[in-house]
Amino acid sequence: MFLISHDIPPSVQWHILCDFDGTISLKDTTDHLLETFAKSGWEEIEQEWEQGKIGSRICMQRQIELLDMSEKQLHQCLDGIEIDQGFLELVKLASKHHIPLTIVSDGLDVVIRYILRKYNLTHLPIIANRLVQIDTQSWTLEFPNANPRCISQSGTCKCKVAEQHFQEQIILIGDGRSDFCLAETADYVFAKKSLIQHCLHKNIQHVAFEYFSDIQKPLMKLLRSDLEPNNADMVIA
């Protein structure tokens, strides 16, 4: 591990953009729903996505249409999903230092809101794909945050979201493919799982983490740099 110094103008505002599935939640919620309720065929669609034949937007749209579940079944399934408890401390830290924190996910808005409600986190803004119930057992997806120019063909283009905050320094916290593109332009990257390998491959400065508790110390270094006329150090894994 080594240190990279960043000159941070003290007047610049940070904004945390945080992934949800596999980052905040301990399970990928979409995969869990598909494994529990999807009709046959969703795994073949997943393989097409993994092979690069289709983008994640098309992949998820086709998979969600295979779900066979009621709203009650959805909620009962989500009741068993927990989040990384360290995220609660991150929310407190961001609030204390007046840092906006937005959950930006290529997952399902209804799912994210339901899980966050259990932890009294309904005040957090969420940008995600829109899960819509068609009838008692059927569902579809809408993509209010899509971008036709999205390199990863995601339903929610995280780079597009970041562009709307061009006057702020972006701190990305993520774990997977939907975070790859934004990792290349974000000012700071906290990475886990496959996002670590992407950062290493692309020589992207990042802090590797497994749990949100690992983020506390390096994030505090960034915050202190805003209070003092010094440089912040980023740990590169």
Protein backbone atom coordinates (compact mmCIF):
# COMPACT_ATOMS: atom_id res chain seq x y z
CA MET A 1 0.00 0.00 0.00
CA PHE A 2 1.20 3.54 -0.68
CA LEU A 3 -0.05 7.10 -0.43
CA ILE A 4 -1.13 9.52 -3.11
CA SER A 5 -1.52 13.19 -2.21
CA HIS A 6 -4.40 15.28 -3.51
CA ASP A 7 -4.64 19.06 -3.41
CA ILE A 8 -8.12 19.84 -2.13
CA PRO A 9 -9.46 23.39 -2.35
CA PRO A 10 -11.07 23.97 1.05
CA SER A 11 -14.14 25.50 -0.58
CA VAL A 12 -15.01 22.37 -2.59
CA GLN A 13 -18.05 20.36 -1.42
CA TRP A 14 -17.92 16.59 -1.40
CA HIS A 15 -20.82 14.39 -2.44
CA ILE A 16 -20.91 10.67 -1.68
CA LEU A 17 -22.47 8.43 -4.33
CA CYS A 18 -22.91 4.98 -2.83
CA ASP A 19 -23.92 1.73 -4.50
CA PHE A 20 -26.49 -0.46 -2.74
CA ASP A 21 -26.50 -4.13 -3.78
CA GLY A 22 -23.52 -5.94 -2.32
CA THR A 23 -22.17 -2.67 -0.95
CA ILE A 24 -24.74 -1.47 1.56
CA SER A 25 -26.79 -4.67 1.50
CA LEU A 26 -25.02 -7.90 2.42
CA LYS A 27 -26.74 -9.67 -0.49
CA ASP A 28 -27.41 -8.64 -4.05
CA THR A 29 -31.15 -8.10 -3.69
CA THR A 30 -32.01 -8.53 -7.37
CA ASP A 31 -30.17 -11.85 -7.60
CA HIS A 32 -31.87 -12.99 -4.40
CA LEU A 33 -35.33 -12.17 -5.77
CA LEU A 34 -34.57 -13.93 -9.04
CA GLU A 35 -33.29 -17.03 -7.26
CA THR A 36 -36.43 -17.10 -5.12
CA PHE A 37 -39.24 -16.09 -7.49
CA ALA A 38 -38.14 -16.05 -11.14
CA LYS A 39 -39.47 -18.45 -13.73
CA SER A 40 -36.94 -20.50 -15.67
CA GLY A 41 -34.74 -18.65 -18.13
CA TRP A 42 -33.31 -15.89 -15.97
CA GLU A 43 -29.93 -17.62 -15.64
CA GLU A 44 -29.57 -17.86 -19.42
CA ILE A 45 -30.24 -14.11 -19.63
CA GLU A 46 -27.58 -13.58 -16.96
CA GLN A 47 -25.09 -15.54 -19.07
CA GLU A 48 -25.80 -13.33 -22.08
CA TRP A 49 -24.98 -10.30 -19.93
CA GLU A 50 -21.81 -11.88 -18.54
CA GLN A 51 -20.69 -12.68 -22.10
CA GLY A 52 -21.25 -9.07 -23.15
CA LYS A 53 -24.04 -9.91 -25.59
CA ILE A 54 -26.50 -7.57 -23.85
CA GLY A 55 -26.20 -4.62 -21.48
CA SER A 56 -27.38 -4.65 -17.89
CA ARG A 57 -30.50 -2.62 -18.72
CA ILE A 58 -31.84 -5.18 -21.17
CA CYS A 59 -30.69 -8.01 -18.93
CA MET A 60 -32.56 -6.72 -15.89
CA GLN A 61 -35.68 -5.79 -17.83
CA ARG A 62 -36.00 -9.30 -19.23
CA GLN A 63 -35.23 -10.93 -15.90
CA ILE A 64 -37.68 -8.82 -13.86
CA GLU A 65 -40.46 -9.77 -16.26
CA LEU A 66 -39.86 -13.39 -15.21
CA LEU A 67 -40.62 -12.68 -11.54
CA ASP A 68 -43.71 -14.43 -10.20
CA MET A 69 -44.37 -12.93 -6.76
CA SER A 70 -46.94 -10.93 -4.85
CA GLU A 71 -46.10 -7.73 -3.00
CA LYS A 72 -46.45 -9.65 0.27
CA GLN A 73 -43.98 -12.27 -0.91
CA LEU A 74 -41.60 -9.51 -1.98
CA HIS A 75 -41.68 -7.93 1.46
CA GLN A 76 -41.29 -11.26 3.27
CA CYS A 77 -38.24 -12.03 1.15
CA LEU A 78 -36.68 -8.63 1.79
CA ASP A 79 -37.24 -8.97 5.53
CA GLY A 80 -34.38 -11.47 5.54
CA ILE A 81 -31.86 -9.13 3.94
CA GLU A 82 -29.56 -7.12 6.18
CA ILE A 83 -27.24 -4.21 5.55
CA ASP A 84 -23.65 -3.60 6.64
CA GLN A 85 -24.16 -1.99 10.04
CA GLY A 86 -21.13 0.22 9.42
CA PHE A 87 -23.20 2.09 6.85
CA LEU A 88 -25.23 3.57 9.70
CA GLU A 89 -22.04 5.16 11.06
CA LEU A 90 -21.17 6.50 7.62
CA VAL A 91 -24.58 8.16 7.41
CA LYS A 92 -23.99 9.80 10.80
CA LEU A 93 -20.52 10.94 9.78
CA ALA A 94 -21.74 12.42 6.50
CA SER A 95 -24.56 14.23 8.30
CA LYS A 96 -22.20 15.61 10.95
CA HIS A 97 -19.92 17.10 8.28
CA HIS A 98 -22.77 18.20 5.99
CA ILE A 99 -21.73 15.89 3.15
CA PRO A 100 -24.60 14.91 0.83
CA LEU A 101 -24.96 11.13 0.54
CA THR A 102 -26.98 9.69 -2.33
CA ILE A 103 -27.62 6.02 -3.00
CA VAL A 104 -27.13 5.43 -6.72
CA SER A 105 -27.98 1.92 -7.80
CA ASP A 106 -28.63 -0.10 -10.93
CA GLY A 107 -31.01 -2.07 -8.73
CA LEU A 108 -34.65 -1.65 -7.75
CA ASP A 109 -36.00 1.48 -6.04
CA VAL A 110 -38.88 -0.24 -4.23
CA VAL A 111 -36.52 -2.84 -2.83
CA ILE A 112 -33.98 -0.30 -1.60
CA ARG A 113 -36.63 1.88 0.07
CA TYR A 114 -38.21 -1.10 1.82
CA ILE A 115 -34.90 -2.28 3.28
CA LEU A 116 -33.79 1.21 4.33
CA ARG A 117 -37.11 1.75 6.09
CA LYS A 118 -36.16 -0.99 8.55
CA TYR A 119 -33.12 1.04 9.53
CA ASN A 120 -34.83 4.46 9.71
CA LEU A 121 -32.93 5.67 6.64
CA THR A 122 -35.86 6.80 4.52
CA HIS A 123 -34.43 10.34 4.41
CA LEU A 124 -31.61 9.27 2.10
CA PRO A 125 -32.11 10.16 -1.57
CA ILE A 126 -32.26 7.14 -3.88
CA ILE A 127 -31.56 7.03 -7.60
CA ALA A 128 -32.37 3.61 -9.06
CA ASN A 129 -34.44 1.70 -11.59
CA ARG A 130 -38.19 1.88 -10.99
CA LEU A 131 -39.89 -1.43 -10.13
CA VAL A 132 -43.54 -1.39 -11.19
CA GLN A 133 -46.17 -3.98 -10.28
CA ILE A 134 -48.36 -4.85 -13.28
CA ASP A 135 -50.79 -7.22 -11.59
CA THR A 136 -50.90 -9.46 -8.53
CA GLN A 137 -47.87 -11.54 -9.51
CA SER A 138 -46.20 -9.65 -12.38
CA TRP A 139 -43.62 -6.86 -12.49
CA THR A 140 -41.72 -4.69 -14.93
CA LEU A 141 -38.92 -2.14 -14.85
CA GLU A 142 -38.76 1.51 -15.88
CA PHE A 143 -35.52 3.44 -16.34
CA PRO A 144 -35.90 7.14 -15.47
CA ASN A 145 -32.14 7.48 -15.03
CA ALA A 146 -30.97 5.80 -18.22
CA ASN A 147 -28.51 7.38 -20.64
CA PRO A 148 -28.40 6.26 -24.29
CA ARG A 149 -24.67 7.04 -24.28
CA CYS A 150 -24.01 4.91 -21.18
CA ILE A 151 -20.90 2.82 -21.84
CA SER A 152 -22.05 -0.04 -19.61
CA GLN A 153 -25.64 0.17 -20.95
CA SER A 154 -26.94 0.34 -17.38
CA GLY A 155 -30.50 1.12 -16.40
CA THR A 156 -29.14 3.78 -14.06
CA CYS A 157 -26.16 5.59 -15.54
CA LYS A 158 -24.00 6.60 -12.58
CA CYS A 159 -21.80 8.85 -14.72
CA LYS A 160 -24.90 10.80 -15.74
CA VAL A 161 -25.81 11.23 -12.07
CA ALA A 162 -22.29 12.44 -11.24
CA GLU A 163 -22.41 14.97 -14.09
CA GLN A 164 -25.37 16.64 -12.37
CA HIS A 165 -23.05 17.36 -9.44
CA PHE A 166 -20.17 18.75 -11.48
CA GLN A 167 -19.47 21.48 -8.94
CA GLU A 168 -18.82 18.91 -6.21
CA GLN A 169 -16.05 16.41 -5.59
CA ILE A 170 -17.47 12.93 -6.03
CA ILE A 171 -16.67 10.16 -3.58
CA LEU A 172 -17.71 6.81 -5.07
CA ILE A 173 -18.37 3.79 -2.87
CA GLY A 174 -19.06 0.67 -4.89
CA ASP A 175 -18.40 -2.97 -5.59
CA GLY A 176 -19.16 -3.98 -9.15
CA ARG A 177 -19.61 -3.49 -12.86
CA SER A 178 -22.15 -0.66 -12.62
CA ASP A 179 -19.45 1.35 -10.81
CA PHE A 180 -16.63 0.76 -13.31
CA CYS A 181 -17.22 3.80 -15.51
CA LEU A 182 -17.73 6.30 -12.69
CA ALA A 183 -14.64 4.99 -10.91
CA GLU A 184 -12.56 6.41 -13.76
CA THR A 185 -13.80 9.98 -13.20
CA ALA A 186 -14.67 10.13 -9.49
CA ASP A 187 -12.37 12.17 -7.25
CA TYR A 188 -12.12 9.41 -4.65
CA VAL A 189 -13.00 5.73 -4.90
CA PHE A 190 -13.73 3.26 -2.12
CA ALA A 191 -13.85 -0.17 -3.77
CA LYS A 192 -14.72 -3.73 -2.85
CA LYS A 193 -15.07 -7.02 -4.74
CA SER A 194 -14.72 -6.75 -8.54
CA LEU A 195 -14.39 -2.96 -8.46
CA ILE A 196 -11.00 -3.45 -6.77
CA GLN A 197 -9.77 -5.54 -9.70
CA HIS A 198 -11.10 -2.98 -12.17
CA CYS A 199 -9.27 -0.18 -10.36
CA LEU A 200 -6.04 -2.18 -10.33
CA HIS A 201 -6.39 -3.01 -14.02
CA LYS A 202 -7.09 0.61 -14.95
CA ASN A 203 -4.54 2.02 -12.47
CA ILE A 204 -7.29 3.95 -10.67
CA GLN A 205 -6.42 5.35 -7.25
CA HIS A 206 -8.70 3.75 -4.69
CA VAL A 207 -9.14 2.57 -1.11
CA ALA A 208 -10.00 -1.11 -0.88
CA PHE A 209 -12.53 -2.09 1.79
CA GLU A 210 -14.61 -5.05 2.90
CA TYR A 211 -16.88 -3.39 5.44
CA PHE A 212 -17.96 0.21 5.92
CA SER A 213 -16.00 0.32 9.16
CA ASP A 214 -12.86 0.17 6.98
CA ILE A 215 -13.86 3.48 5.37
CA GLN A 216 -13.99 5.57 8.54
CA LYS A 217 -10.29 6.42 8.95
CA PRO A 218 -9.45 7.29 5.31
CA LEU A 219 -12.67 9.30 5.02
CA MET A 220 -11.76 11.25 8.13
CA LYS A 221 -8.44 12.14 6.50
CA LEU A 222 -10.36 13.70 3.64
CA LEU A 223 -12.56 15.60 6.06
CA ARG A 224 -9.58 16.92 8.02
CA SER A 225 -8.06 18.18 4.79
CA ASP A 226 -11.11 20.41 4.38
CA LEU A 227 -10.56 21.85 7.85
CA GLU A 228 -6.82 22.33 7.46
CA PRO A 229 -4.87 23.94 4.57
CA ASN A 230 -3.01 20.72 3.88
CA ASN A 231 -3.21 17.84 1.43
CA ALA A 232 -5.29 14.70 1.91
CA ASP A 233 -3.67 11.31 1.50
CA MET A 234 -5.41 8.50 -0.30
CA VAL A 235 -4.38 4.94 0.45
CA ILE A 236 -3.99 2.86 -2.66
CA ALA A 237 -4.44 -0.88 -2.32
